[in-house]
Amino acid sequence: ISTNEKGLLVLDLKRQQFESFSGKCFRNGEKWVSEIFESATGQIWLGTYDGLFRFDEHLQQCIEVGAMRNLINAKSITSSIYNLTEDQQGNIWATTYFDDERSSSLVYYDVATDVAIHYDRYVTPDFKSIHEFRDVACTKEGTLLVTTDRGLFAIPKGDINNVKDFPELNTNLGTSVYSLTIDRGDGVWISTAFGVARFNVANNTIFNYDYTNSLIGSGRIPGIWYDKISDKVYVAQKAGIDVISAV
């Protein structure tokens, strides 16, 4: 479990107790973890406030991805990794946060070649209106979906030169969308200022879940996660978690 105040925590299931893991993982315990992602091969990736790491089970340590560090140092992008996903080829995509001096970016890390590339509003014309890249996820067909402060964007097969936006969704939900997850039927779940919405990319239909038509709480822009085993979407709320069946 990642936290802002105590770093990375691990729950010992036998003792039912939490223990701090940050000191065991990082040279600097202040490399707070913002995202924990498990790839299809079982590799654990950690997006932190200071770079991208992978967990080495043999060494029981988090190893920094050097290519990402080199990219951060060479380009004007922040070191804070926001969210992570994996494409069909097993490569890692990440969003980075922004600060007063550095811009938010969408970053691609080719695992096989150990090469990292970034795309932002300055180097990719289709992203020129975007100030903040927030979440990223991949469909079964290999389309990358990215939530931003300017709406939802799709990148078919990771082709950065073929970016698509969804004005229908933006018109109904506003241009600022946040947390993102995709269910087994490729239904796209998005966190908005109004609650949670399920968006069907194939036919551009939208269904909103909020406190007026469901038991979901009234929390704005909640964090959301999809569990493929139970086929349910979990929605973070103040002092609790709401559950929505993805069927």
Protein backbone atom coordinates (compact mmCIF):
# COMPACT_ATOMS: atom_id res chain seq x y z
CA ILE A 1 0.00 0.00 0.00
CA SER A 2 1.38 3.40 -0.96
CA THR A 3 0.93 6.35 1.37
CA ASN A 4 2.09 9.94 1.44
CA GLU A 5 2.91 10.01 5.14
CA LYS A 6 4.59 6.64 5.74
CA GLY A 7 5.87 5.67 2.32
CA LEU A 8 5.38 2.08 1.13
CA LEU A 9 3.62 -0.27 3.55
CA VAL A 10 3.26 -4.04 3.36
CA LEU A 11 0.51 -6.04 5.07
CA ASP A 12 1.72 -9.26 6.69
CA LEU A 13 -1.29 -11.52 6.10
CA LYS A 14 -0.28 -13.99 8.82
CA ARG A 15 0.20 -11.42 11.56
CA GLN A 16 -2.39 -8.99 10.18
CA GLN A 17 0.01 -6.13 10.72
CA PHE A 18 1.48 -3.41 8.54
CA GLU A 19 5.19 -2.77 8.36
CA SER A 20 7.16 -0.08 6.58
CA PHE A 21 8.86 -1.30 3.42
CA SER A 22 10.29 1.96 2.12
CA GLY A 23 13.58 1.64 3.96
CA LYS A 24 14.11 -1.84 2.53
CA CYS A 25 13.30 -0.72 -1.00
CA PHE A 26 14.85 2.65 -1.60
CA ARG A 27 18.15 4.28 -0.80
CA ASN A 28 16.10 7.29 0.21
CA GLY A 29 13.00 6.46 2.24
CA GLU A 30 11.32 9.61 0.96
CA LYS A 31 10.79 8.13 -2.52
CA TRP A 32 7.08 7.94 -1.77
CA VAL A 33 5.12 5.61 -4.01
CA SER A 34 2.22 7.04 -6.01
CA GLU A 35 1.42 3.96 -8.14
CA ILE A 36 1.90 0.18 -7.81
CA PHE A 37 1.39 -1.81 -11.01
CA GLU A 38 1.78 -5.52 -11.75
CA SER A 39 2.53 -6.48 -15.36
CA ALA A 40 1.19 -9.59 -17.13
CA THR A 41 4.43 -11.41 -16.28
CA GLY A 42 4.14 -10.62 -12.58
CA GLN A 43 6.73 -7.84 -12.52
CA ILE A 44 5.93 -5.17 -9.95
CA TRP A 45 6.51 -1.59 -11.14
CA LEU A 46 6.41 1.39 -8.82
CA GLY A 47 5.79 4.96 -9.86
CA THR A 48 7.24 7.25 -7.22
CA TYR A 49 7.64 10.96 -6.60
CA ASP A 50 11.26 10.49 -7.71
CA GLY A 51 11.32 8.17 -10.71
CA LEU A 52 10.26 4.72 -11.96
CA PHE A 53 11.31 1.54 -10.13
CA ARG A 54 10.83 -2.20 -10.52
CA PHE A 55 10.77 -4.62 -7.60
CA ASP A 56 13.45 -7.36 -7.65
CA GLU A 57 12.01 -10.30 -5.69
CA HIS A 58 15.39 -12.03 -5.38
CA LEU A 59 17.15 -8.97 -3.95
CA GLN A 60 14.01 -7.75 -2.15
CA GLN A 61 14.85 -4.27 -3.40
CA CYS A 62 13.38 -1.69 -5.73
CA ILE A 63 15.71 -1.04 -8.67
CA GLU A 64 15.46 2.32 -10.42
CA VAL A 65 14.87 2.29 -14.19
CA GLY A 66 17.98 4.10 -15.40
CA ALA A 67 16.52 4.98 -18.80
CA MET A 68 13.72 6.87 -17.11
CA ARG A 69 16.16 8.73 -14.86
CA ASN A 70 18.24 9.69 -17.90
CA LEU A 71 15.11 10.97 -19.66
CA ILE A 72 14.09 13.02 -16.62
CA ASN A 73 17.54 14.59 -16.43
CA ALA A 74 17.76 15.28 -20.17
CA LYS A 75 14.28 16.70 -20.72
CA SER A 76 12.20 19.28 -18.91
CA ILE A 77 9.86 16.79 -17.24
CA THR A 78 9.15 16.17 -13.59
CA SER A 79 10.44 13.06 -11.83
CA SER A 80 7.04 12.36 -10.24
CA ILE A 81 5.51 9.28 -11.88
CA TYR A 82 1.73 9.55 -11.57
CA ASN A 83 0.13 6.41 -13.11
CA LEU A 84 1.31 3.30 -14.98
CA THR A 85 -0.02 0.75 -17.47
CA GLU A 86 1.30 -1.94 -19.83
CA ASP A 87 0.63 -2.27 -23.55
CA GLN A 88 0.21 -5.51 -25.51
CA GLN A 89 3.94 -5.71 -26.17
CA GLY A 90 4.77 -5.59 -22.45
CA ASN A 91 6.05 -2.01 -22.55
CA ILE A 92 5.29 0.48 -19.80
CA TRP A 93 3.42 3.76 -20.26
CA ALA A 94 3.36 6.37 -17.52
CA THR A 95 2.00 9.81 -16.84
CA THR A 96 4.12 12.31 -14.98
CA TYR A 97 2.96 15.14 -12.77
CA PHE A 98 3.91 18.78 -13.25
CA ASP A 99 5.26 21.65 -11.18
CA ASP A 100 5.93 25.36 -11.68
CA GLU A 101 8.93 24.71 -13.93
CA ARG A 102 8.34 21.34 -15.60
CA SER A 103 5.46 20.08 -17.71
CA SER A 104 3.30 16.98 -17.37
CA SER A 105 4.10 14.21 -19.85
CA LEU A 106 3.09 10.86 -21.24
CA VAL A 107 6.13 8.58 -21.10
CA TYR A 108 6.81 5.35 -23.02
CA TYR A 109 9.38 2.83 -21.73
CA ASP A 110 10.44 0.03 -24.08
CA VAL A 111 11.36 -2.77 -21.68
CA ALA A 112 13.25 -4.88 -24.23
CA THR A 113 15.50 -2.08 -25.52
CA ASP A 114 15.65 -0.11 -22.25
CA VAL A 115 14.67 3.13 -24.00
CA ALA A 116 12.35 5.82 -22.62
CA ILE A 117 10.58 8.48 -24.71
CA HIS A 118 8.28 11.27 -23.58
CA TYR A 119 5.43 13.11 -25.27
CA ASP A 120 3.98 16.39 -24.04
CA ARG A 121 2.07 19.42 -25.27
CA TYR A 122 5.24 20.89 -26.78
CA VAL A 123 6.48 17.95 -28.85
CA THR A 124 3.17 16.41 -29.94
CA PRO A 125 0.71 18.72 -31.78
CA ASP A 126 -2.34 16.60 -30.84
CA PHE A 127 -1.61 17.27 -27.16
CA LYS A 128 -1.08 21.02 -27.47
CA SER A 129 -4.16 21.88 -25.39
CA ILE A 130 -3.26 19.51 -22.53
CA HIS A 131 -1.76 20.87 -19.34
CA GLU A 132 -2.00 17.73 -17.20
CA PHE A 133 -1.79 14.04 -18.14
CA ARG A 134 -3.53 12.08 -15.36
CA ASP A 135 -4.21 8.37 -15.89
CA VAL A 136 -3.45 5.82 -18.59
CA ALA A 137 -4.84 2.36 -19.38
CA CYS A 138 -4.80 -0.14 -22.27
CA THR A 139 -7.74 -1.98 -23.88
CA LYS A 140 -7.67 -5.61 -25.03
CA GLU A 141 -7.22 -4.39 -28.61
CA GLY A 142 -4.14 -2.43 -27.62
CA THR A 143 -5.60 1.08 -27.64
CA LEU A 144 -4.11 3.36 -25.00
CA LEU A 145 -6.57 5.66 -23.25
CA VAL A 146 -5.37 8.75 -21.42
CA THR A 147 -7.34 11.05 -19.12
CA THR A 148 -6.30 14.69 -19.03
CA ASP A 149 -7.52 18.12 -17.98
CA ARG A 150 -8.76 18.46 -21.58
CA GLY A 151 -10.74 15.23 -21.80
CA LEU A 152 -10.17 11.62 -22.82
CA PHE A 153 -7.72 10.71 -25.60
CA ALA A 154 -7.14 7.41 -27.42
CA ILE A 155 -3.89 6.24 -29.01
CA PRO A 156 -4.61 3.16 -31.20
CA LYS A 157 -1.86 0.53 -30.88
CA GLY A 158 0.32 3.12 -29.18
CA ASP A 159 0.61 5.09 -32.44
CA ILE A 160 1.28 8.58 -31.11
CA ASN A 161 0.66 10.02 -34.60
CA ASN A 162 -2.94 8.76 -34.61
CA VAL A 163 -4.45 10.40 -31.53
CA LYS A 164 -8.24 10.62 -31.17
CA ASP A 165 -10.37 12.61 -28.72
CA PHE A 166 -14.01 12.14 -27.67
CA PRO A 167 -16.02 15.36 -27.86
CA GLU A 168 -19.24 13.45 -27.02
CA LEU A 169 -17.86 12.47 -23.62
CA ASN A 170 -16.44 15.92 -22.97
CA THR A 171 -19.78 17.55 -23.76
CA ASN A 172 -21.61 15.40 -21.22
CA LEU A 173 -19.04 15.15 -18.44
CA GLY A 174 -16.89 18.23 -18.84
CA THR A 175 -13.39 18.41 -20.24
CA SER A 176 -11.58 17.49 -17.01
CA VAL A 177 -11.45 13.72 -16.31
CA TYR A 178 -9.31 11.95 -13.74
CA SER A 179 -8.93 8.32 -12.65
CA LEU A 180 -9.36 5.65 -15.33
CA THR A 181 -9.85 1.87 -15.46
CA ILE A 182 -11.03 -0.62 -18.10
CA ASP A 183 -13.19 -3.70 -17.42
CA ARG A 184 -13.05 -7.07 -19.17
CA GLY A 185 -15.62 -5.94 -21.73
CA ASP A 186 -13.48 -2.91 -22.60
CA GLY A 187 -15.91 -0.64 -20.80
CA VAL A 188 -14.05 2.54 -19.88
CA TRP A 189 -14.67 3.78 -16.33
CA ILE A 190 -13.79 7.40 -15.65
CA SER A 191 -13.73 9.51 -12.51
CA THR A 192 -15.23 12.96 -12.99
CA ALA A 193 -16.27 15.96 -10.97
CA PHE A 194 -19.79 14.50 -11.00
CA GLY A 195 -18.93 10.96 -9.82
CA VAL A 196 -18.12 7.93 -11.98
CA ALA A 197 -19.08 7.27 -15.60
CA ARG A 198 -18.91 4.16 -17.80
CA PHE A 199 -18.08 5.06 -21.40
CA ASN A 200 -18.48 2.69 -24.34
CA VAL A 201 -15.82 3.73 -26.85
CA ALA A 202 -17.37 1.66 -29.66
CA ASN A 203 -20.70 3.50 -29.72
CA ASN A 204 -19.96 6.61 -27.63
CA THR A 205 -22.65 5.84 -25.02
CA ILE A 206 -22.27 7.07 -21.45
CA PHE A 207 -23.84 5.97 -18.18
CA ASN A 208 -23.28 8.10 -15.09
CA TYR A 209 -23.16 6.77 -11.54
CA ASP A 210 -23.68 9.37 -8.85
CA TYR A 211 -25.54 9.86 -5.60
CA THR A 212 -28.77 10.74 -7.47
CA ASN A 213 -29.17 7.44 -9.32
CA SER A 214 -27.09 4.92 -7.35
CA LEU A 215 -25.73 4.17 -3.90
CA ILE A 216 -22.38 5.75 -4.76
CA GLY A 217 -21.29 8.50 -2.40
CA SER A 218 -21.19 12.15 -3.30
CA GLY A 219 -17.37 12.35 -3.37
CA ARG A 220 -15.97 14.27 -6.33
CA ILE A 221 -13.23 12.89 -8.61
CA PRO A 222 -12.86 9.61 -6.66
CA GLY A 223 -10.08 7.12 -7.29
CA ILE A 224 -11.39 4.02 -9.10
CA TRP A 225 -10.01 0.50 -9.63
CA TYR A 226 -11.26 -2.58 -11.51
CA ASP A 227 -10.89 -6.11 -10.13
CA LYS A 228 -11.07 -8.68 -12.95
CA ILE A 229 -11.68 -11.60 -10.55
CA SER A 230 -14.89 -10.19 -9.06
CA ASP A 231 -15.69 -8.08 -12.16
CA LYS A 232 -16.36 -5.09 -9.96
CA VAL A 233 -15.25 -1.47 -9.92
CA TYR A 234 -14.13 -0.08 -6.57
CA VAL A 235 -14.65 3.60 -5.89
CA ALA A 236 -12.78 5.46 -3.15
CA GLN A 237 -14.98 7.55 -0.91
CA LYS A 238 -14.45 9.47 2.30
CA ALA A 239 -14.11 6.87 5.09
CA GLY A 240 -15.03 3.97 2.82
CA ILE A 241 -15.15 2.24 -0.55
CA ASP A 242 -18.17 1.84 -2.85
CA VAL A 243 -18.53 -1.12 -5.22
CA ILE A 244 -20.17 -1.16 -8.68
CA SER A 245 -20.79 -4.35 -10.67
CA ALA A 246 -19.14 -3.99 -14.09
CA VAL A 247 -21.70 -6.27 -15.76
